[in-house]
C-alpha atoms as a PDB file:
ATOM      1  CA  MET A   1      70.877 -38.921  -1.565  1.00  0.00           C
ATOM      2  CA  SER A   2      73.957 -38.578   0.538  1.00  0.00           C
ATOM      3  CA  PRO A   3      73.429 -37.501   4.238  1.00  0.00           C
ATOM      4  CA  ASP A   4      76.400 -35.741   3.878  1.00  0.00           C
ATOM      5  CA  ARG A   5      75.641 -33.912   0.869  1.00  0.00           C
ATOM      6  CA  PRO A   6      75.814 -29.898   1.808  1.00  0.00           C
ATOM      7  CA  VAL A   7      72.601 -27.507   1.638  1.00  0.00           C
ATOM      8  CA  PRO A   8      72.701 -25.560  -1.506  1.00  0.00           C
ATOM      9  CA  GLU A   9      74.136 -22.138  -0.674  1.00  0.00           C
ATOM     10  CA  LEU A  10      71.692 -18.912  -0.209  1.00  0.00           C
ATOM     11  CA  PRO A  11      72.565 -15.572  -1.420  1.00  0.00           C
ATOM     12  CA  ASN A  12      73.310 -13.297   1.112  1.00  0.00           C
ATOM     13  CA  TRP A  13      70.083 -10.863   0.101  1.00  0.00           C
ATOM     14  CA  LEU A  14      67.980 -12.925   2.305  1.00  0.00           C
ATOM     15  CA  THR A  15      67.673 -14.579   5.614  1.00  0.00           C
ATOM     16  CA  TRP A  16      66.181 -17.725   6.428  1.00  0.00           C
ATOM     17  CA  TRP A  17      64.556 -18.785   9.825  1.00  0.00           C
ATOM     18  CA  GLN A  18      63.699 -22.311  10.211  1.00  0.00           C
ATOM     19  CA  ARG A  19      61.128 -22.735  13.140  1.00  0.00           C
ATOM     20  CA  PRO A  20      60.050 -25.912  14.920  1.00  0.00           C
ATOM     21  CA  PHE A  21      55.529 -25.951  14.827  1.00  0.00           C
ATOM     22  CA  PRO A  22      53.162 -24.503  15.318  1.00  0.00           C
ATOM     23  CA  ASP A  23      55.176 -21.857  13.123  1.00  0.00           C
ATOM     24  CA  ALA A  24      55.923 -22.273   9.681  1.00  0.00           C
ATOM     25  CA  ASN A  25      59.417 -21.310   8.478  1.00  0.00           C
ATOM     26  CA  THR A  26      60.052 -17.573   7.865  1.00  0.00           C
ATOM     27  CA  LEU A  27      62.042 -15.653   5.003  1.00  0.00           C
ATOM     28  CA  LEU A  28      63.381 -12.332   5.354  1.00  0.00           C
ATOM     29  CA  LEU A  29      64.111 -10.089   2.431  1.00  0.00           C
ATOM     30  CA  PRO A  30      65.617  -6.793   3.477  1.00  0.00           C
ATOM     31  CA  GLY A  31      66.103  -3.722   1.159  1.00  0.00           C
ATOM     32  CA  ARG A  32      64.255  -0.614  -0.247  1.00  0.00           C
ATOM     33  CA  HIS A  33      61.065  -2.682   0.143  1.00  0.00           C
ATOM     34  CA  THR A  34      61.745  -5.182   3.174  1.00  0.00           C
ATOM     35  CA  ALA A  35      59.634  -8.250   2.432  1.00  0.00           C
ATOM     36  CA  LEU A  36      58.747 -11.073   4.916  1.00  0.00           C
ATOM     37  CA  VAL A  37      57.056 -14.433   3.684  1.00  0.00           C
ATOM     38  CA  ASP A  38      54.908 -15.903   6.148  1.00  0.00           C
ATOM     39  CA  THR A  39      54.594 -14.978   9.529  1.00  0.00           C
ATOM     40  CA  GLY A  40      54.233 -17.764  11.601  1.00  0.00           C
ATOM     41  CA  PHE A  41      51.720 -18.828  14.362  1.00  0.00           C
ATOM     42  CA  VAL A  42      49.408 -15.776  16.447  1.00  0.00           C
ATOM     43  CA  GLY A  43      51.031 -16.946  19.740  1.00  0.00           C
ATOM     44  CA  HIS A  44      54.313 -15.966  18.685  1.00  0.00           C
ATOM     45  CA  ALA A  45      53.428 -12.611  16.613  1.00  0.00           C
ATOM     46  CA  ASP A  46      55.267 -10.538  19.113  1.00  0.00           C
ATOM     47  CA  GLU A  47      58.563 -12.880  18.273  1.00  0.00           C
ATOM     48  CA  THR A  48      58.176 -12.909  14.510  1.00  0.00           C
ATOM     49  CA  ALA A  49      58.052  -9.033  14.253  1.00  0.00           C
ATOM     50  CA  ALA A  50      60.741  -8.608  16.914  1.00  0.00           C
ATOM     51  CA  TRP A  51      62.860 -11.109  14.513  1.00  0.00           C
ATOM     52  CA  ALA A  52      62.376  -9.027  11.588  1.00  0.00           C
ATOM     53  CA  ARG A  53      62.867  -5.691  13.021  1.00  0.00           C
ATOM     54  CA  ALA A  54      66.144  -6.891  14.761  1.00  0.00           C
ATOM     55  CA  ARG A  55      67.638  -7.953  11.143  1.00  0.00           C
ATOM     56  CA  ALA A  56      65.901  -5.273   8.863  1.00  0.00           C
ATOM     57  CA  GLY A  57      64.038  -2.387  10.925  1.00  0.00           C
ATOM     58  CA  LYS A  58      60.417  -1.936   9.250  1.00  0.00           C
ATOM     59  CA  VAL A  59      58.681  -4.804   7.424  1.00  0.00           C
ATOM     60  CA  ASP A  60      56.796  -3.136   4.352  1.00  0.00           C
ATOM     61  CA  LEU A  61      55.300  -6.128   2.471  1.00  0.00           C
ATOM     62  CA  VAL A  62      54.176  -9.657   4.138  1.00  0.00           C
ATOM     63  CA  VAL A  63      53.525 -12.270   1.396  1.00  0.00           C
ATOM     64  CA  ASN A  64      51.818 -15.222   2.469  1.00  0.00           C
ATOM     65  CA  THR A  65      51.996 -18.791   0.787  1.00  0.00           C
ATOM     66  CA  HIS A  66      48.805 -19.605   1.605  1.00  0.00           C
ATOM     67  CA  TRP A  67      46.341 -18.667   4.699  1.00  0.00           C
ATOM     68  CA  HIS A  68      46.628 -21.219   7.297  1.00  0.00           C
ATOM     69  CA  SER A  69      47.177 -20.197  10.942  1.00  0.00           C
ATOM     70  CA  ASP A  70      50.840 -20.845  11.131  1.00  0.00           C
ATOM     71  CA  HIS A  71      51.545 -18.979   7.907  1.00  0.00           C
ATOM     72  CA  VAL A  72      49.297 -15.589   9.010  1.00  0.00           C
ATOM     73  CA  GLY A  73      49.518 -15.476  12.437  1.00  0.00           C
ATOM     74  CA  GLY A  74      51.915 -12.457  12.481  1.00  0.00           C
ATOM     75  CA  ASN A  75      49.945 -10.600   9.969  1.00  0.00           C
ATOM     76  CA  ALA A  76      47.541  -8.530  11.927  1.00  0.00           C
ATOM     77  CA  LEU A  77      50.432  -7.276  13.946  1.00  0.00           C
ATOM     78  CA  LEU A  78      52.757  -6.282  11.273  1.00  0.00           C
ATOM     79  CA  GLN A  79      49.580  -4.762   9.394  1.00  0.00           C
ATOM     80  CA  ALA A  80      49.164  -2.592  12.332  1.00  0.00           C
ATOM     81  CA  ARG A  81      52.506  -1.490  12.126  1.00  0.00           C
ATOM     82  CA  GLY A  82      52.518  -0.538   8.322  1.00  0.00           C
ATOM     83  CA  ALA A  83      53.109  -3.533   6.349  1.00  0.00           C
ATOM     84  CA  ALA A  84      51.169  -4.363   3.303  1.00  0.00           C
ATOM     85  CA  VAL A  85      49.886  -7.819   3.051  1.00  0.00           C
ATOM     86  CA  ALA A  86      49.805  -9.867  -0.202  1.00  0.00           C
ATOM     87  CA  ALA A  87      48.201 -13.472  -0.948  1.00  0.00           C
ATOM     88  CA  GLY A  88      46.964 -15.557  -3.562  1.00  0.00           C
ATOM     89  CA  ALA A  89      43.956 -13.863  -4.892  1.00  0.00           C
ATOM     90  CA  PRO A  90      41.146 -16.674  -4.150  1.00  0.00           C
ATOM     91  CA  GLU A  91      42.446 -16.241  -0.802  1.00  0.00           C
ATOM     92  CA  ALA A  92      42.518 -12.302  -0.696  1.00  0.00           C
ATOM     93  CA  ASP A  93      38.947 -12.352  -2.488  1.00  0.00           C
ATOM     94  CA  ALA A  94      37.458 -14.431   0.638  1.00  0.00           C
ATOM     95  CA  ILE A  95      39.376 -12.230   3.237  1.00  0.00           C
ATOM     96  CA  ALA A  96      37.941  -9.219   1.710  1.00  0.00           C
ATOM     97  CA  ARG A  97      34.179 -10.705   2.005  1.00  0.00           C
ATOM     98  CA  ARG A  98      35.205 -11.527   5.513  1.00  0.00           C
ATOM     99  CA  ASP A  99      33.881 -15.117   4.328  1.00  0.00           C
ATOM    100  CA  PRO A 100      33.585 -17.331   7.535  1.00  0.00           C
ATOM    101  CA  GLY A 101      35.308 -19.815   5.959  1.00  0.00           C
ATOM    102  CA  CYS A 102      38.534 -17.624   6.008  1.00  0.00           C
ATOM    103  CA  CYS A 103      41.711 -19.272   6.737  1.00  0.00           C
ATOM    104  CA  ALA A 104      39.666 -22.694   7.686  1.00  0.00           C
ATOM    105  CA  ALA A 105      40.434 -21.375  11.303  1.00  0.00           C
ATOM    106  CA  GLU A 106      36.998 -22.111  12.704  1.00  0.00           C
ATOM    107  CA  TYR A 107      37.046 -25.531  10.794  1.00  0.00           C
ATOM    108  CA  LEU A 108      40.376 -26.425  12.410  1.00  0.00           C
ATOM    109  CA  ASP A 109      40.175 -24.641  15.449  1.00  0.00           C
ATOM    110  CA  GLN A 110      43.126 -22.366  15.084  1.00  0.00           C
ATOM    111  CA  PRO A 111      43.043 -19.297  15.696  1.00  0.00           C
ATOM    112  CA  VAL A 112      44.115 -16.248  13.256  1.00  0.00           C
ATOM    113  CA  ALA A 113      44.190 -12.470  14.378  1.00  0.00           C
ATOM    114  CA  PRO A 114      41.991 -10.544  11.761  1.00  0.00           C
ATOM    115  CA  TYR A 115      43.705  -8.846   8.927  1.00  0.00           C
ATOM    116  CA  THR A 116      43.326  -7.742   5.536  1.00  0.00           C
ATOM    117  CA  VAL A 117      45.275  -8.326   2.283  1.00  0.00           C
ATOM    118  CA  ASP A 118      46.304  -5.423   0.397  1.00  0.00           C
ATOM    119  CA  ILE A 119      47.510  -7.037  -2.696  1.00  0.00           C
ATOM    120  CA  PRO A 120      46.164 -10.021  -4.773  1.00  0.00           C
ATOM    121  CA  LEU A 121      48.594 -12.031  -6.164  1.00  0.00           C
ATOM    122  CA  ASP A 122      48.040 -14.056  -9.711  1.00  0.00           C
ATOM    123  CA  ASP A 123      50.223 -16.657 -11.447  1.00  0.00           C
ATOM    124  CA  GLY A 124      52.907 -14.847 -12.985  1.00  0.00           C
ATOM    125  CA  GLN A 125      52.911 -11.902 -11.190  1.00  0.00           C
ATOM    126  CA  LEU A 126      56.326 -10.303 -10.743  1.00  0.00           C
ATOM    127  CA  LEU A 127      57.206  -8.990  -7.067  1.00  0.00           C
ATOM    128  CA  ARG A 128      60.043  -7.131  -6.123  1.00  0.00           C
ATOM    129  CA  LEU A 129      60.819  -8.329  -2.550  1.00  0.00           C
ATOM    130  CA  GLY A 130      63.839  -6.831  -1.023  1.00  0.00           C
ATOM    131  CA  GLU A 131      66.582  -6.881  -3.281  1.00  0.00           C
ATOM    132  CA  ALA A 132      65.214  -9.321  -6.067  1.00  0.00           C
ATOM    133  CA  GLU A 133      62.510 -10.031  -8.315  1.00  0.00           C
ATOM    134  CA  TRP A 134      60.262 -12.969  -7.531  1.00  0.00           C
ATOM    135  CA  GLU A 135      57.539 -14.680  -9.838  1.00  0.00           C
ATOM    136  CA  VAL A 136      54.553 -15.632  -8.373  1.00  0.00           C
ATOM    137  CA  VAL A 137      53.233 -19.606  -9.331  1.00  0.00           C
ATOM    138  CA  ARG A 138      50.078 -20.507  -8.346  1.00  0.00           C
ATOM    139  CA  THR A 139      50.490 -23.952  -6.457  1.00  0.00           C
ATOM    140  CA  PRO A 140      46.811 -25.043  -5.409  1.00  0.00           C
ATOM    141  CA  GLY A 141      46.461 -28.229  -3.792  1.00  0.00           C
ATOM    142  CA  HIS A 142      47.154 -27.881   0.006  1.00  0.00           C
ATOM    143  CA  THR A 143      44.823 -25.100  -0.152  1.00  0.00           C
ATOM    144  CA  PRO A 144      42.813 -23.519  -3.178  1.00  0.00           C
ATOM    145  CA  GLY A 145      44.788 -20.338  -3.012  1.00  0.00           C
ATOM    146  CA  HIS A 146      48.245 -21.744  -2.288  1.00  0.00           C
ATOM    147  CA  LEU A 147      51.203 -20.252  -3.974  1.00  0.00           C
ATOM    148  CA  ALA A 148      55.281 -20.689  -4.672  1.00  0.00           C
ATOM    149  CA  LEU A 149      57.396 -17.633  -5.450  1.00  0.00           C
ATOM    150  CA  TRP A 150      60.549 -18.418  -7.920  1.00  0.00           C
ATOM    151  CA  GLN A 151      63.610 -16.369  -8.316  1.00  0.00           C
ATOM    152  CA  PRO A 152      64.846 -17.411 -11.384  1.00  0.00           C
ATOM    153  CA  GLU A 153      68.324 -15.599 -11.498  1.00  0.00           C
ATOM    154  CA  GLU A 154      69.383 -17.705  -7.980  1.00  0.00           C
ATOM    155  CA  ARG A 155      66.964 -20.537  -8.728  1.00  0.00           C
ATOM    156  CA  LEU A 156      65.210 -20.349  -5.432  1.00  0.00           C
ATOM    157  CA  LEU A 157      61.887 -21.685  -5.238  1.00  0.00           C
ATOM    158  CA  VAL A 158      59.598 -20.644  -1.911  1.00  0.00           C
ATOM    159  CA  VAL A 159      57.288 -23.867  -2.100  1.00  0.00           C
ATOM    160  CA  GLY A 160      54.803 -23.250   1.275  1.00  0.00           C
ATOM    161  CA  ASP A 161      53.562 -26.298   2.503  1.00  0.00           C
ATOM    162  CA  ALA A 162      53.484 -28.220  -0.717  1.00  0.00           C
ATOM    163  CA  LEU A 163      56.616 -30.446  -0.074  1.00  0.00           C
ATOM    164  CA  SER A 164      59.318 -30.574   2.928  1.00  0.00           C
ATOM    165  CA  ASP A 165      62.078 -32.861   2.905  1.00  0.00           C
ATOM    166  CA  TYR A 166      60.483 -35.218   4.523  1.00  0.00           C
ATOM    167  CA  ASP A 167      56.741 -34.632   3.706  1.00  0.00           C
ATOM    168  CA  VAL A 168      54.047 -33.209   1.290  1.00  0.00           C
ATOM    169  CA  GLY A 169      51.004 -30.786   2.104  1.00  0.00           C
ATOM    170  CA  TRP A 170      47.761 -32.571   3.470  1.00  0.00           C
ATOM    171  CA  VAL A 171      44.799 -31.924   1.142  1.00  0.00           C
ATOM    172  CA  ASN A 172      41.141 -31.785   2.732  1.00  0.00           C
ATOM    173  CA  LEU A 173      38.968 -33.665   0.160  1.00  0.00           C
ATOM    174  CA  ALA A 174      35.804 -32.403   2.143  1.00  0.00           C
ATOM    175  CA  LEU A 175      36.576 -28.897   1.783  1.00  0.00           C
ATOM    176  CA  ASP A 176      38.018 -28.436  -1.706  1.00  0.00           C
ATOM    177  CA  GLY A 177      36.737 -31.590  -3.480  1.00  0.00           C
ATOM    178  CA  PRO A 178      38.190 -35.106  -4.487  1.00  0.00           C
ATOM    179  CA  GLU A 179      40.168 -33.504  -7.125  1.00  0.00           C
ATOM    180  CA  ALA A 180      42.323 -31.833  -4.404  1.00  0.00           C
ATOM    181  CA  ALA A 181      44.970 -34.379  -4.303  1.00  0.00           C
ATOM    182  CA  THR A 182      45.205 -34.488  -8.417  1.00  0.00           C
ATOM    183  CA  THR A 183      45.765 -30.958  -7.992  1.00  0.00           C
ATOM    184  CA  ALA A 184      48.546 -30.877  -5.576  1.00  0.00           C
ATOM    185  CA  LEU A 185      50.178 -33.651  -7.622  1.00  0.00           C
ATOM    186  CA  ALA A 186      49.531 -31.353 -10.757  1.00  0.00           C
ATOM    187  CA  SER A 187      51.185 -28.098  -8.768  1.00  0.00           C
ATOM    188  CA  LEU A 188      54.377 -30.381  -7.513  1.00  0.00           C
ATOM    189  CA  LYS A 189      54.974 -31.491 -10.958  1.00  0.00           C
ATOM    190  CA  ARG A 190      54.575 -27.761 -12.265  1.00  0.00           C
ATOM    191  CA  MET A 191      57.556 -26.894  -9.577  1.00  0.00           C
ATOM    192  CA  ALA A 192      59.781 -29.718 -10.453  1.00  0.00           C
ATOM    193  CA  ASP A 193      59.856 -28.481 -13.982  1.00  0.00           C
ATOM    194  CA  LEU A 194      61.336 -25.084 -12.784  1.00  0.00           C
ATOM    195  CA  ALA A 195      64.307 -27.494 -11.793  1.00  0.00           C
ATOM    196  CA  PRO A 196      65.292 -25.686  -8.680  1.00  0.00           C
ATOM    197  CA  ARG A 197      68.983 -25.093  -7.074  1.00  0.00           C
ATOM    198  CA  VAL A 198      67.208 -24.130  -3.533  1.00  0.00           C
ATOM    199  CA  ILE A 199      63.997 -25.168  -2.356  1.00  0.00           C
ATOM    200  CA  LEU A 200      62.605 -23.164   0.698  1.00  0.00           C
ATOM    201  CA  PRO A 201      60.254 -25.168   2.253  1.00  0.00           C
ATOM    202  CA  SER A 202      57.651 -24.028   5.193  1.00  0.00           C
ATOM    203  CA  HIS A 203      58.402 -27.117   7.339  1.00  0.00           C
ATOM    204  CA  GLY A 204      62.025 -28.652   8.026  1.00  0.00           C
ATOM    205  CA  PRO A 205      65.163 -27.639   7.354  1.00  0.00           C
ATOM    206  CA  ILE A 206      66.210 -26.696   3.320  1.00  0.00           C
ATOM    207  CA  PRO A 207      66.495 -30.035   1.424  1.00  0.00           C
ATOM    208  CA  ALA A 208      70.078 -30.970   0.451  1.00  0.00           C
ATOM    209  CA  ASP A 209      69.285 -32.514  -3.151  1.00  0.00           C
ATOM    210  CA  PRO A 210      66.249 -30.189  -4.321  1.00  0.00           C
ATOM    211  CA  GLU A 211      65.804 -33.072  -7.133  1.00  0.00           C
ATOM    212  CA  ALA A 212      65.481 -35.912  -4.723  1.00  0.00           C
ATOM    213  CA  ALA A 213      62.963 -34.160  -2.545  1.00  0.00           C
ATOM    214  CA  LEU A 214      60.980 -33.101  -5.518  1.00  0.00           C
ATOM    215  CA  ALA A 215      61.059 -36.914  -6.863  1.00  0.00           C
ATOM    216  CA  ALA A 216      60.084 -38.071  -3.346  1.00  0.00           C
ATOM    217  CA  ALA A 217      57.416 -35.666  -2.975  1.00  0.00           C
ATOM    218  CA  LEU A 218      55.818 -36.605  -6.301  1.00  0.00           C
ATOM    219  CA  ARG A 219      55.764 -40.351  -5.153  1.00  0.00           C
ATOM    220  CA  ARG A 220      53.963 -39.486  -1.856  1.00  0.00           C
ATOM    221  CA  ALA A 221      51.314 -37.111  -3.642  1.00  0.00           C
ATOM    222  CA  GLN A 222      50.790 -39.627  -5.931  1.00  0.00           C
ATOM    223  CA  ARG A 223      50.052 -42.041  -3.234  1.00  0.00           C
ATOM    224  CA  LEU A 224      47.497 -39.489  -1.489  1.00  0.00           C
ATOM    225  CA  VAL A 225      45.935 -39.752  -5.534  1.00  0.00           C
ATOM    226  CA  ASP A 226      45.891 -43.718  -5.669  1.00  0.00           C
ATOM    227  CA  ASP A 227      44.221 -44.014  -2.039  1.00  0.00           C
ATOM    228  CA  PRO A 228      41.569 -41.176  -1.201  1.00  0.00           C
ATOM    229  CA  ALA A 229      41.369 -43.046   2.297  1.00  0.00           C
ATOM    230  CA  GLY A 230      44.713 -42.647   3.051  1.00  0.00           C
ATOM    231  CA  ALA A 231      44.803 -38.984   2.338  1.00  0.00           C
ATOM    232  CA  VAL A 232      41.819 -38.370   4.630  1.00  0.00           C
ATOM    233  CA  TRP A 233      43.730 -40.255   7.457  1.00  0.00           C
ATOM    234  CA  TYR A 234      47.026 -38.301   6.548  1.00  0.00           C
ATOM    235  CA  GLY A 235      45.156 -35.152   6.992  1.00  0.00           C
ATOM    236  CA  VAL A 236      43.107 -36.053  10.121  1.00  0.00           C
ATOM    237  CA  ARG A 237      46.336 -37.005  11.987  1.00  0.00           C
ATOM    238  CA  ARG A 238      48.057 -33.626  11.209  1.00  0.00           C
ATOM    239  CA  ILE A 239      45.299 -31.425  12.441  1.00  0.00           C
ATOM    240  CA  LEU A 240      44.609 -33.228  15.508  1.00  0.00           C
ATOM    241  CA  ALA A 241      48.696 -33.079  16.070  1.00  0.00           C
ATOM    242  CA  PHE A 242      48.594 -29.261  15.324  1.00  0.00           C
ATOM    243  CA  ALA A 243      45.186 -28.917  17.887  1.00  0.00           C
ATOM    244  CA  LEU A 244      47.524 -30.773  20.696  1.00  0.00           C
ATOM    245  CA  MET A 245      50.552 -28.422  19.826  1.00  0.00           C
ATOM    246  CA  ILE A 246      48.877 -25.105  20.721  1.00  0.00           C
ATOM    247  CA  ARG A 247      46.945 -26.086  23.644  1.00  0.00           C
ATOM    248  CA  ASP A 248      49.911 -27.576  25.374  1.00  0.00           C
ATOM    249  CA  GLY A 249      47.677 -30.985  25.426  1.00  0.00           C
ATOM    250  CA  ILE A 250      44.383 -31.693  26.058  1.00  0.00           C
ATOM    251  CA  PRO A 251      43.170 -33.902  28.729  1.00  0.00           C
ATOM    252  CA  ALA A 252      42.166 -37.486  27.785  1.00  0.00           C
ATOM    253  CA  ALA A 253      39.066 -37.534  29.340  1.00  0.00           C
ATOM    254  CA  GLU A 254      37.988 -34.662  27.253  1.00  0.00           C
ATOM    255  CA  ILE A 255      39.397 -35.796  23.578  1.00  0.00           C
ATOM    256  CA  GLU A 256      36.440 -37.515  22.618  1.00  0.00           C
ATOM    257  CA  PRO A 257      34.437 -34.746  22.910  1.00  0.00           C
ATOM    258  CA  TYR A 258      36.642 -32.265  21.715  1.00  0.00           C
ATOM    259  CA  LEU A 259      36.905 -34.312  18.450  1.00  0.00           C
ATOM    260  CA  LEU A 260      33.326 -34.914  18.279  1.00  0.00           C
ATOM    261  CA  ALA A 261      32.496 -31.332  18.099  1.00  0.00           C
ATOM    262  CA  ARG A 262      34.995 -30.355  15.241  1.00  0.00           C
ATOM    263  CA  THR A 263      33.444 -30.187  11.571  1.00  0.00           C
ATOM    264  CA  TRP A 264      37.104 -31.613  10.081  1.00  0.00           C
ATOM    265  CA  LEU A 265      36.439 -34.940  11.894  1.00  0.00           C
ATOM    266  CA  THR A 266      32.705 -35.506  11.061  1.00  0.00           C
ATOM    267  CA  ASP A 267      33.712 -34.730   7.349  1.00  0.00           C
ATOM    268  CA  ALA A 268      36.383 -36.991   7.618  1.00  0.00           C
ATOM    269  CA  ALA A 269      34.541 -39.559   9.167  1.00  0.00           C
ATOM    270  CA  ARG A 270      31.875 -39.063   6.364  1.00  0.00           C
ATOM    271  CA  LEU A 271      34.258 -39.570   3.478  1.00  0.00           C
ATOM    272  CA  LEU A 272      35.390 -42.700   5.246  1.00  0.00           C
ATOM    273  CA  ASP A 273      31.987 -44.142   5.801  1.00  0.00           C
ATOM    274  CA  VAL A 274      32.386 -44.515   9.503  1.00  0.00           C
ATOM    275  CA  THR A 275      30.489 -42.813  12.796  1.00  0.00           C
ATOM    276  CA  PRO A 276      32.320 -39.824  14.021  1.00  0.00           C
ATOM    277  CA  GLU A 277      32.569 -41.770  17.428  1.00  0.00           C
ATOM    278  CA  HIS A 278      34.444 -44.688  15.774  1.00  0.00           C
ATOM    279  CA  LEU A 279      36.871 -42.358  13.942  1.00  0.00           C
ATOM    280  CA  ALA A 280      37.550 -40.280  17.026  1.00  0.00           C
ATOM    281  CA  THR A 281      38.725 -43.628  18.862  1.00  0.00           C
ATOM    282  CA  GLU A 282      40.695 -44.897  16.109  1.00  0.00           C
ATOM    283  CA  LEU A 283      42.627 -41.705  15.626  1.00  0.00           C
ATOM    284  CA  VAL A 284      43.527 -41.308  19.192  1.00  0.00           C
ATOM    285  CA  THR A 285      44.412 -45.374  19.171  1.00  0.00           C
ATOM    286  CA  THR A 286      46.407 -45.429  16.120  1.00  0.00           C
ATOM    287  CA  MET A 287      48.371 -42.140  16.956  1.00  0.00           C
ATOM    288  CA  LEU A 288      49.610 -43.562  20.231  1.00  0.00           C
ATOM    289  CA  ARG A 289      50.516 -46.695  18.866  1.00  0.00           C
ATOM    290  CA  THR A 290      52.924 -45.341  16.128  1.00  0.00           C
ATOM    291  CA  GLY A 291      54.253 -42.782  18.729  1.00  0.00           C
ATOM    292  CA  ALA A 292      52.265 -39.581  17.222  1.00  0.00           C
ATOM    293  CA  LEU A 293      50.826 -38.870  20.316  1.00  0.00           C
ATOM    294  CA  ARG A 294      51.894 -39.273  23.852  1.00  0.00           C
ATOM    295  CA  LEU A 295      50.024 -39.699  27.146  1.00  0.00           C
ATOM    296  CA  ARG A 296      51.513 -37.744  29.908  1.00  0.00           C
ATOM    297  CA  ASP A 297      49.767 -36.809  33.148  1.00  0.00           C
ATOM    298  CA  GLY A 298      46.432 -37.670  31.894  1.00  0.00           C
ATOM    299  CA  HIS A 299      46.850 -35.580  29.035  1.00  0.00           C
ATOM    300  CA  LEU A 300      47.610 -36.281  25.045  1.00  0.00           C
ATOM    301  CA  HIS A 301      50.593 -34.553  23.562  1.00  0.00           C
ATOM    302  CA  ALA A 302      51.640 -34.314  20.371  1.00  0.00           C
ATOM    303  CA  ALA A 303      55.104 -35.917  20.282  1.00  0.00           C
ATOM    304  CA  ALA A 304      56.698 -33.521  17.397  1.00  0.00           C
ATOM    305  CA  ASP A 305      58.853 -30.992  18.710  1.00  0.00           C
ATOM    306  CA  HIS A 306      57.065 -27.841  18.952  1.00  0.00           C
ATOM    307  CA  THR A 307      57.373 -24.420  20.829  1.00  0.00           C
ATOM    308  CA  PRO A 308      54.605 -23.693  23.602  1.00  0.00           C
ATOM    309  CA  VAL A 309      51.602 -21.347  22.940  1.00  0.00           C
ATOM    310  CA  PRO A 310      50.681 -19.074  25.842  1.00  0.00           C
ATOM    311  CA  PRO A 311      46.989 -19.793  26.434  1.00  0.00           C
ATOM    312  CA  GLU A 312      45.837 -16.145  26.137  1.00  0.00           C
ATOM    313  CA  ALA A 313      46.902 -16.318  22.617  1.00  0.00           C
ATOM    314  CA  LEU A 314      44.232 -18.704  21.367  1.00  0.00           C
ATOM    315  CA  ARG A 315      41.482 -16.123  22.288  1.00  0.00           C
ATOM    316  CA  VAL A 316      40.856 -14.276  19.251  1.00  0.00           C
ATOM    317  CA  PRO A 317      37.647 -14.391  17.257  1.00  0.00           C
ATOM    318  CA  TYR A 318      36.732 -16.827  14.224  1.00  0.00           C
ATOM    319  CA  PRO A 319      36.605 -14.968  10.608  1.00  0.00           C
ATOM    320  CA  ARG A 320      32.940 -14.697  11.476  1.00  0.00           C
ATOM    321  CA  ALA A 321      33.194 -11.964  13.649  1.00  0.00           C
ATOM    322  CA  TRP A 322      36.212 -10.231  12.298  1.00  0.00           C
ATOM    323  CA  PRO A 323      35.310  -6.523  12.018  1.00  0.00           C
ATOM    324  CA  PRO A 324      34.488  -5.468   8.264  1.00  0.00           C
ATOM    325  CA  THR A 325      37.449  -4.412   5.881  1.00  0.00           C
ATOM    326  CA  THR A 326      37.924  -0.675   5.609  1.00  0.00           C
ATOM    327  CA  PRO A 327      40.046   0.605   2.448  1.00  0.00           C
ATOM    328  CA  ARG A 328      43.899   1.671   3.550  1.00  0.00           C
END
């Protein structure tokens, strides 16, 4: 792929916002029924809502590609202002039940403000978003309820965390089973078969060459299938980096107790057949050596570009303490 190849042209009836971590990219579709695809992290919910309001007025519908904290953080605020929320049926059902595992929020120690799902989405369902009709494409793997959105006339594909220009979504073999990587690979193959003209990922820039981006993603996903231990490592590195981003770092003296209190780490240690203590030490050592973490003023920080989060934004309850859902 030539580095000088231009990014594919976007239609003028949508607005794309590429955002640094800990927020997912956001897609705004203005129209009679203005829609917003993914709403960023809870610590930036006001910013998300203000951005959408300035460009389109009231948001009528939020569509989530999946329920991780960087995609649903503005849901509660926008819902309080009148927006409905749509999400993949498996996640919608769990949200309705107030399942303690919702959003993997407690598991990952990533706060999510309580929200409800008004519209469960199934594979093949058609949605009028802004000025165009989109098709829901089930793409499980990164999460069981992960979905993509396909606009066939313009051949636009919103891919969530399934892939980016530099990465593929991590898979959770402990929570979602040993077949999660194979499921993610099958979802990527389904998306490649659509031959999109434009890929709109949740992180990073729009790929200049969609075909090349999908081919690279398929190779990366195949490696996760072939190397389960590597897939586990891939996930824990990303989870720790995100934890450091949203907390503006963690004191180096506190990182081991923090990690040993995390279920995701003890699960990963079990899958790797090592002790949690060994994994905690190896994880930090490896990420420091590769430059993914930096030690500054006695604190460990994620090296990747990210936007600060106000500490008070993290003080929201885990889903087990969310209020029961009520009919809207």
